Amino acid sequence: MTELFQSYDLGEVQLSNRIVMAPMTRSRAANDIADERTALYYAQRATAGLMVTEGSPVSREGQGYLFNPGIYSDEQVAGWRLTTDSVHAVGGKIFAQLWHVGRVSHTSLQPNGAAPRSATSKPTTNASVFGYDDNGQPGFVPASVPSALSTQEVGRVVQDFVTAAINATKAGFDGVEIHAANGYLFEQFLNPLVNDRTDRYSASPDNRLRFALEVVDGIAAAIGAGRIGIRISPYGLLFDMPHYPEILDTYEALARELGRRGIAYIHVMDQTKVSVAPKDATASDDRTIELLRRIKAAAGKPAIILAGSMTLDRAHAMIGEGLIDLAAFGQPFIANPDLVRRFADGLPLATPDRDTYYGGGLKGYVDYPPFRAR
């Protein structure tokens, strides 16, 4: 048996294999509450060593898309409890991904129609979010101009994450993943070309890490560091996240601090293939390898998960070389609820229907069958 299919101790949680189901927004939650369909969807895929849920907003303010199950109300906690009970009943492990989109939102989604709250008042350009249009109908609308959180309000958002982590524990999750990737709130603090603050959360090398580390420290005090993961995307360009010269130094410093805190894992979203021009595959791979080596060396104990353009061969190779500890797959899990078995037995993979990725009903969500020999 190869390492990919062997058990693994992840912080305080033992996994049956090293395959991770990556977080994927599916926008199926009516009233922003996980329901029976949500529970079935995750239970079908629970042979993954670890599943990370779709982003779960930590507050209404943190929401940027309709129909995503949140984790801030009693009703949402109860809704997620059905999912965790279902996953655990079939032997799975599941972390809740905690999410605040920052400026990537719309006034129709915010409390009292207010502006989205961010590290900055700079808007993201050419970005669409799934909110309500001028006629009150669900649809894609341009992200609204944000307002910057005050220093005191940043502390309140930190507490929102802590409360969400406590709620996740009440809902039965095995741990939480902090969504610090893809251009959302954490990156709006981390990126010095977006962060234009002048307070203790400013873009100086130490201050730009402060928000992320305060969230980690607060959650660790509440539920334990060994049940915390964090997702990052250092070379991502989503939602106007420009590259800057200190990218590697910034994330190496963050990894070092996370290692000192003893969190369970760092989940790297590999976006180098879309950020290297002119799409040079060799340059992309070299950049990814350098990033992984520096993060792993700086972090020490926390496991390293890699997602993005993941294949079975790449997973075997990177785990074998010690670059990563676990391999995360996203879209393949949509159409292959039994992906682990298909990988282990060399079975063909089904192709997901992209038209049913977001929103809708059961079709393209829980109706993909496991492999059956003809």
Protein backbone atom coordinates (compact mmCIF):
# COMPACT_ATOMS: atom_id res chain seq x y z
CA MET A 1 0.00 0.00 0.00
CA THR A 2 1.39 3.40 -0.95
CA GLU A 3 1.64 6.26 1.56
CA LEU A 4 -1.37 8.02 0.04
CA PHE A 5 -3.70 5.28 1.27
CA GLN A 6 -2.14 4.86 4.72
CA SER A 7 -3.52 6.33 7.93
CA TYR A 8 -2.17 9.64 9.18
CA ASP A 9 -2.22 11.49 12.51
CA LEU A 10 -3.32 15.06 11.82
CA GLY A 11 -2.98 17.08 14.99
CA GLU A 12 -5.52 15.54 17.34
CA VAL A 13 -7.39 13.71 14.57
CA GLN A 14 -6.48 10.34 13.03
CA LEU A 15 -7.23 10.03 9.32
CA SER A 16 -7.78 6.76 7.47
CA ASN A 17 -5.78 7.97 4.45
CA ARG A 18 -3.97 11.06 3.14
CA ILE A 19 -6.59 12.10 0.60
CA VAL A 20 -8.41 15.33 1.41
CA MET A 21 -11.66 16.51 -0.11
CA ALA A 22 -10.98 20.21 -0.71
CA PRO A 23 -13.57 22.87 0.17
CA MET A 24 -15.92 23.64 -2.72
CA THR A 25 -18.75 26.16 -2.78
CA ARG A 26 -21.94 24.44 -3.97
CA SER A 27 -24.59 27.07 -3.05
CA ARG A 28 -27.33 24.59 -2.16
CA ALA A 29 -28.26 25.76 1.34
CA ALA A 30 -31.72 27.31 1.50
CA ASN A 31 -31.86 30.04 4.16
CA ASP A 32 -28.07 29.64 4.51
CA ILE A 33 -28.58 26.54 6.69
CA ALA A 34 -27.12 23.09 6.01
CA ASP A 35 -29.92 20.53 5.51
CA GLU A 36 -30.52 16.88 4.66
CA ARG A 37 -29.07 17.31 1.18
CA THR A 38 -25.90 18.77 2.67
CA ALA A 39 -25.59 15.82 5.02
CA LEU A 40 -26.06 13.31 2.21
CA TYR A 41 -23.54 15.08 -0.02
CA TYR A 42 -20.76 14.90 2.56
CA ALA A 43 -21.64 11.42 3.84
CA GLN A 44 -21.38 10.07 0.28
CA ARG A 45 -17.76 11.30 0.12
CA ALA A 46 -16.69 10.40 3.65
CA THR A 47 -14.09 7.80 2.59
CA ALA A 48 -11.73 10.74 2.11
CA GLY A 49 -9.25 10.83 4.96
CA LEU A 50 -10.40 14.38 5.66
CA MET A 51 -13.18 16.51 4.25
CA VAL A 52 -13.17 20.30 4.50
CA THR A 53 -16.58 21.88 4.08
CA GLU A 54 -17.52 24.62 1.70
CA GLY A 55 -16.80 28.04 3.18
CA SER A 56 -19.12 28.69 6.12
CA PRO A 57 -19.55 32.41 6.91
CA VAL A 58 -18.71 33.35 10.49
CA SER A 59 -21.27 36.18 10.43
CA ARG A 60 -23.75 37.71 8.06
CA GLU A 61 -21.17 40.43 7.47
CA GLY A 62 -18.75 37.76 6.29
CA GLN A 63 -21.06 36.48 3.56
CA GLY A 64 -20.37 37.13 -0.10
CA TYR A 65 -22.60 34.58 -1.80
CA LEU A 66 -26.15 33.40 -1.34
CA PHE A 67 -27.08 29.91 -0.18
CA ASN A 68 -23.86 29.10 1.68
CA PRO A 69 -24.47 27.43 5.07
CA GLY A 70 -23.22 29.69 7.85
CA ILE A 71 -21.98 28.82 11.33
CA TYR A 72 -23.12 31.82 13.42
CA SER A 73 -26.73 31.02 14.41
CA ASP A 74 -28.26 28.25 16.51
CA GLU A 75 -30.24 27.06 13.48
CA GLN A 76 -27.05 26.81 11.42
CA VAL A 77 -25.27 24.87 14.15
CA ALA A 78 -28.19 22.42 14.29
CA GLY A 79 -28.16 22.10 10.51
CA TRP A 80 -24.47 21.26 10.43
CA ARG A 81 -24.95 18.74 13.26
CA LEU A 82 -26.89 16.50 10.89
CA THR A 83 -23.94 16.57 8.49
CA THR A 84 -21.30 15.74 11.09
CA ASP A 85 -23.42 12.95 12.58
CA SER A 86 -23.89 11.47 9.11
CA VAL A 87 -20.18 11.70 8.27
CA HIS A 88 -19.10 10.18 11.58
CA ALA A 89 -21.65 7.38 11.23
CA VAL A 90 -19.73 6.11 8.19
CA GLY A 91 -16.30 6.67 9.69
CA GLY A 92 -15.37 10.03 8.16
CA LYS A 93 -13.60 13.10 9.51
CA ILE A 94 -14.70 16.64 8.68
CA PHE A 95 -13.44 20.15 9.38
CA ALA A 96 -15.57 23.30 8.96
CA GLN A 97 -14.02 26.00 6.82
CA LEU A 98 -14.53 29.38 8.51
CA TRP A 99 -15.05 32.23 6.05
CA HIS A 100 -15.23 36.01 5.90
CA VAL A 101 -15.10 37.46 2.39
CA GLY A 102 -14.20 41.01 3.39
CA ARG A 103 -14.66 43.36 0.44
CA VAL A 104 -15.83 40.60 -1.92
CA SER A 105 -19.50 41.12 -1.08
CA HIS A 106 -22.54 43.23 -1.96
CA THR A 107 -24.77 45.53 0.04
CA SER A 108 -27.75 43.20 -0.57
CA LEU A 109 -25.98 40.57 1.54
CA GLN A 110 -24.90 42.84 4.38
CA PRO A 111 -26.79 43.68 7.57
CA ASN A 112 -29.10 46.65 6.91
CA GLY A 113 -27.71 47.01 3.41
CA ALA A 114 -24.39 48.36 4.69
CA ALA A 115 -21.13 48.43 2.76
CA PRO A 116 -18.98 45.27 2.97
CA ARG A 117 -16.30 45.45 5.68
CA SER A 118 -12.66 44.94 4.83
CA ALA A 119 -9.10 45.75 5.84
CA THR A 120 -9.34 48.57 3.31
CA SER A 121 -11.81 50.89 1.63
CA LYS A 122 -10.28 50.06 -1.77
CA PRO A 123 -12.86 48.25 -3.93
CA THR A 124 -12.13 45.10 -5.88
CA THR A 125 -12.69 45.73 -9.59
CA ASN A 126 -14.36 43.47 -12.15
CA ALA A 127 -15.53 41.11 -9.39
CA SER A 128 -19.01 39.62 -9.24
CA VAL A 129 -20.67 38.05 -6.23
CA PHE A 130 -23.89 36.07 -5.94
CA GLY A 131 -26.38 38.39 -4.28
CA TYR A 132 -29.67 40.13 -5.02
CA ASP A 133 -30.08 42.40 -8.02
CA ASP A 134 -32.05 45.64 -8.16
CA ASN A 135 -35.25 43.63 -8.60
CA GLY A 136 -34.59 41.51 -5.53
CA GLN A 137 -33.77 38.44 -7.59
CA PRO A 138 -30.75 36.17 -6.92
CA GLY A 139 -27.99 36.65 -9.44
CA PHE A 140 -24.44 37.83 -10.02
CA VAL A 141 -23.91 41.48 -9.07
CA PRO A 142 -20.77 43.65 -8.92
CA ALA A 143 -18.99 43.71 -5.58
CA SER A 144 -19.85 46.86 -3.65
CA VAL A 145 -17.38 49.48 -2.46
CA PRO A 146 -16.21 48.43 1.03
CA SER A 147 -15.56 50.38 4.19
CA ALA A 148 -12.49 49.75 6.31
CA LEU A 149 -12.88 48.13 9.71
CA SER A 150 -11.76 50.28 12.61
CA THR A 151 -9.06 48.91 14.90
CA GLN A 152 -11.72 48.04 17.48
CA GLU A 153 -13.90 46.38 14.87
CA VAL A 154 -11.04 44.12 13.79
CA GLY A 155 -11.06 42.73 17.32
CA ARG A 156 -14.77 42.08 16.97
CA VAL A 157 -14.18 40.11 13.75
CA VAL A 158 -11.50 38.08 15.52
CA GLN A 159 -14.12 37.18 18.12
CA ASP A 160 -16.58 36.26 15.34
CA PHE A 161 -14.09 33.62 14.21
CA VAL A 162 -13.61 32.35 17.76
CA THR A 163 -17.36 32.08 18.26
CA ALA A 164 -17.71 30.29 14.92
CA ALA A 165 -15.03 27.78 15.96
CA ILE A 166 -16.87 27.12 19.22
CA ASN A 167 -20.08 26.70 17.22
CA ALA A 168 -18.31 24.25 14.92
CA THR A 169 -17.33 22.18 17.95
CA LYS A 170 -20.94 22.24 19.15
CA ALA A 171 -21.99 21.10 15.69
CA GLY A 172 -19.70 18.08 15.98
CA PHE A 173 -16.90 19.04 13.60
CA ASP A 174 -13.50 17.45 14.16
CA GLY A 175 -11.78 20.79 13.68
CA VAL A 176 -11.84 24.04 11.71
CA GLU A 177 -10.00 25.42 8.73
CA ILE A 178 -9.48 29.19 8.57
CA HIS A 179 -10.09 30.41 5.02
CA ALA A 180 -7.14 32.77 4.50
CA ALA A 181 -6.91 32.30 0.73
CA ASN A 182 -8.41 33.38 -2.59
CA GLY A 183 -8.46 37.13 -2.08
CA TYR A 184 -10.84 37.20 0.89
CA LEU A 185 -10.47 39.06 4.20
CA PHE A 186 -7.20 37.56 5.45
CA GLU A 187 -5.42 38.28 2.18
CA GLN A 188 -6.78 41.83 2.29
CA PHE A 189 -4.68 42.22 5.45
CA LEU A 190 -1.70 40.16 4.26
CA ASN A 191 -1.16 41.83 0.88
CA PRO A 192 0.78 45.11 1.30
CA LEU A 193 -0.51 46.44 -2.03
CA VAL A 194 -4.11 46.14 -0.78
CA ASN A 195 -3.64 46.84 2.92
CA ASP A 196 -3.42 50.63 3.28
CA ARG A 197 -3.99 50.78 7.03
CA THR A 198 -1.97 52.93 9.44
CA ASP A 199 -2.82 51.13 12.71
CA ARG A 200 -1.47 47.97 14.35
CA TYR A 201 -2.85 45.94 11.42
CA SER A 202 -0.95 47.92 8.79
CA ALA A 203 1.11 46.44 5.96
CA SER A 204 4.47 46.40 7.78
CA PRO A 205 6.03 42.90 7.87
CA ASP A 206 4.87 42.12 11.41
CA ASN A 207 1.57 43.99 11.40
CA ARG A 208 0.22 42.37 8.23
CA LEU A 209 0.32 38.98 10.01
CA ARG A 210 -1.37 40.24 13.15
CA PHE A 211 -5.01 39.62 12.21
CA ALA A 212 -4.37 36.03 11.11
CA LEU A 213 -2.36 35.21 14.22
CA GLU A 214 -4.92 36.79 16.56
CA VAL A 215 -7.61 34.62 14.97
CA VAL A 216 -5.45 31.50 15.37
CA ASP A 217 -4.60 32.36 18.98
CA GLY A 218 -8.23 33.02 19.85
CA ILE A 219 -9.46 29.78 18.31
CA ALA A 220 -6.60 27.80 19.87
CA ALA A 221 -7.55 29.07 23.31
CA ALA A 222 -11.14 28.02 22.67
CA ILE A 223 -10.84 24.58 21.03
CA GLY A 224 -7.12 23.70 20.96
CA ALA A 225 -4.42 24.34 18.36
CA GLY A 226 -4.39 20.70 17.27
CA ARG A 227 -7.82 21.12 15.70
CA ILE A 228 -6.95 24.14 13.55
CA GLY A 229 -5.95 24.29 9.91
CA ILE A 230 -5.46 27.32 7.70
CA ARG A 231 -5.77 27.67 3.92
CA ILE A 232 -3.49 30.05 2.02
CA SER A 233 -2.92 30.90 -1.66
CA PRO A 234 0.33 32.88 -1.85
CA TYR A 235 0.43 33.32 -5.63
CA GLY A 236 -3.29 33.76 -6.19
CA LEU A 237 -4.57 36.68 -8.24
CA LEU A 238 -8.25 36.38 -7.40
CA PHE A 239 -10.18 39.59 -6.65
CA ASP A 240 -7.32 41.99 -7.33
CA MET A 241 -4.64 40.40 -5.21
CA PRO A 242 -1.50 41.71 -6.98
CA HIS A 243 1.82 39.96 -6.57
CA TYR A 244 4.42 41.75 -4.46
CA PRO A 245 8.17 41.14 -3.95
CA GLU A 246 7.84 39.85 -0.38
CA ILE A 247 5.34 37.03 -1.07
CA LEU A 248 7.66 34.20 -0.06
CA ASP A 249 9.02 36.07 2.95
CA THR A 250 5.48 36.91 4.12
CA TYR A 251 4.20 33.35 3.96
CA GLU A 252 7.41 31.90 5.35
CA ALA A 253 7.04 34.21 8.36
CA LEU A 254 3.38 33.24 8.73
CA ALA A 255 4.27 29.54 8.53
CA ARG A 256 6.94 29.97 11.20
CA GLU A 257 4.45 31.59 13.59
CA LEU A 258 1.83 28.92 12.86
CA GLY A 259 4.40 26.23 13.56
CA ARG A 260 5.20 27.79 16.93
CA ARG A 261 1.52 27.63 17.77
CA GLY A 262 1.28 23.92 16.93
CA ILE A 263 -1.70 24.00 14.58
CA ALA A 264 -2.68 20.82 12.74
CA TYR A 265 -2.01 21.85 9.16
CA ILE A 266 -1.33 24.48 6.52
CA HIS A 267 -3.41 23.97 3.38
CA VAL A 268 -1.75 25.52 0.32
CA MET A 269 -3.93 26.33 -2.68
CA ASP A 270 -1.55 26.13 -5.65
CA GLN A 271 -2.45 28.89 -8.07
CA THR A 272 0.96 29.21 -9.70
CA LYS A 273 -0.28 27.66 -12.94
CA VAL A 274 -2.63 30.58 -13.51
CA SER A 275 -0.23 33.25 -12.28
CA VAL A 276 2.94 32.41 -14.24
CA ALA A 277 3.19 34.08 -17.62
CA PRO A 278 3.40 32.90 -20.28
CA LYS A 279 1.95 29.85 -18.51
CA ASP A 280 5.31 28.15 -18.30
CA ALA A 281 4.65 24.77 -16.66
CA THR A 282 8.28 24.34 -15.61
CA ALA A 283 8.42 27.77 -13.98
CA SER A 284 5.11 27.04 -12.27
CA ASP A 285 6.31 23.74 -10.82
CA ASP A 286 9.60 25.29 -9.70
CA ARG A 287 7.76 28.11 -7.93
CA THR A 288 5.40 25.65 -6.22
CA ILE A 289 8.25 23.45 -5.04
CA GLU A 290 10.20 26.43 -3.69
CA LEU A 291 7.10 27.66 -1.87
CA LEU A 292 6.37 24.26 -0.33
CA ARG A 293 9.97 23.73 0.79
CA ARG A 294 10.16 27.11 2.49
CA ILE A 295 6.78 26.78 4.18
CA LYS A 296 7.49 23.24 5.35
CA ALA A 297 10.91 24.17 6.70
CA ALA A 298 9.56 27.22 8.50
CA ALA A 299 6.46 25.54 9.93
CA GLY A 300 8.04 22.33 11.16
CA LYS A 301 5.37 20.14 12.78
CA PRO A 302 2.10 21.19 11.07
CA ALA A 303 1.16 18.97 8.13
CA ILE A 304 1.25 20.46 4.65
CA ILE A 305 -1.74 19.91 2.36
CA LEU A 306 -1.58 20.88 -1.31
CA ALA A 307 -4.62 21.51 -3.53
CA GLY A 308 -4.94 22.81 -7.07
CA SER A 309 -4.29 20.91 -10.30
CA MET A 310 -3.81 17.80 -8.18
CA THR A 311 -3.55 14.42 -9.89
CA LEU A 312 -3.00 10.95 -8.50
CA ASP A 313 0.53 10.81 -9.91
CA ARG A 314 1.38 14.24 -8.53
CA ALA A 315 0.05 13.25 -5.11
CA HIS A 316 2.16 10.10 -5.02
CA ALA A 317 5.27 11.98 -6.13
CA MET A 318 4.95 14.94 -3.77
CA ILE A 319 4.16 12.82 -0.72
CA GLY A 320 6.99 10.44 -1.65
CA GLU A 321 9.43 13.35 -1.91
CA GLY A 322 8.32 14.76 1.43
CA LEU A 323 7.10 18.04 -0.06
CA ILE A 324 3.57 17.54 1.28
CA ASP A 325 1.85 15.28 3.78
CA LEU A 326 -1.65 15.13 2.32
CA ALA A 327 -3.11 15.72 -1.14
CA ALA A 328 -6.38 17.59 -1.66
CA PHE A 329 -8.74 17.03 -4.58
CA GLY A 330 -11.69 19.25 -5.41
CA GLN A 331 -13.64 18.79 -8.63
CA PRO A 332 -12.93 15.04 -8.96
CA PHE A 333 -14.94 14.50 -5.76
CA ILE A 334 -18.01 16.15 -7.27
CA ALA A 335 -18.72 13.35 -9.77
CA ASN A 336 -16.86 10.60 -7.89
CA PRO A 337 -18.19 10.23 -4.35
CA ASP A 338 -16.09 7.05 -4.14
CA LEU A 339 -12.93 8.77 -5.39
CA VAL A 340 -10.66 7.06 -2.86
CA ARG A 341 -11.77 3.62 -4.05
CA ARG A 342 -11.40 4.61 -7.70
CA PHE A 343 -7.86 5.83 -7.07
CA ALA A 344 -6.91 2.76 -5.04
CA ASP A 345 -8.31 0.27 -7.57
CA GLY A 346 -7.33 2.11 -10.75
CA LEU A 347 -10.94 2.66 -11.80
CA PRO A 348 -11.99 5.29 -14.35
CA LEU A 349 -13.25 8.66 -13.14
CA ALA A 350 -16.60 10.20 -14.01
CA THR A 351 -16.69 13.76 -15.35
CA PRO A 352 -18.67 16.36 -13.39
CA ASP A 353 -21.28 18.54 -15.04
CA ARG A 354 -20.04 22.14 -14.68
CA ASP A 355 -23.53 23.53 -15.26
CA THR A 356 -24.63 22.08 -11.92
CA TYR A 357 -21.66 23.18 -9.80
CA TYR A 358 -23.54 26.05 -8.13
CA GLY A 359 -27.12 26.25 -6.96
CA GLY A 360 -30.05 24.11 -8.05
CA GLY A 361 -31.39 20.95 -6.50
CA LEU A 362 -30.31 17.32 -6.25
CA LYS A 363 -29.06 17.06 -9.84
CA GLY A 364 -25.31 17.34 -10.00
CA TYR A 365 -25.11 17.32 -6.20
CA VAL A 366 -26.04 13.97 -4.66
CA ASP A 367 -27.03 11.94 -7.74
CA TYR A 368 -23.56 10.84 -8.93
CA PRO A 369 -23.37 7.05 -8.39
CA PRO A 370 -20.37 5.07 -7.16
CA PHE A 371 -18.49 2.98 -9.70
CA ARG A 372 -20.28 -0.13 -10.93
CA ALA A 373 -18.67 -2.66 -13.23
CA ARG A 374 -20.68 -3.31 -16.36
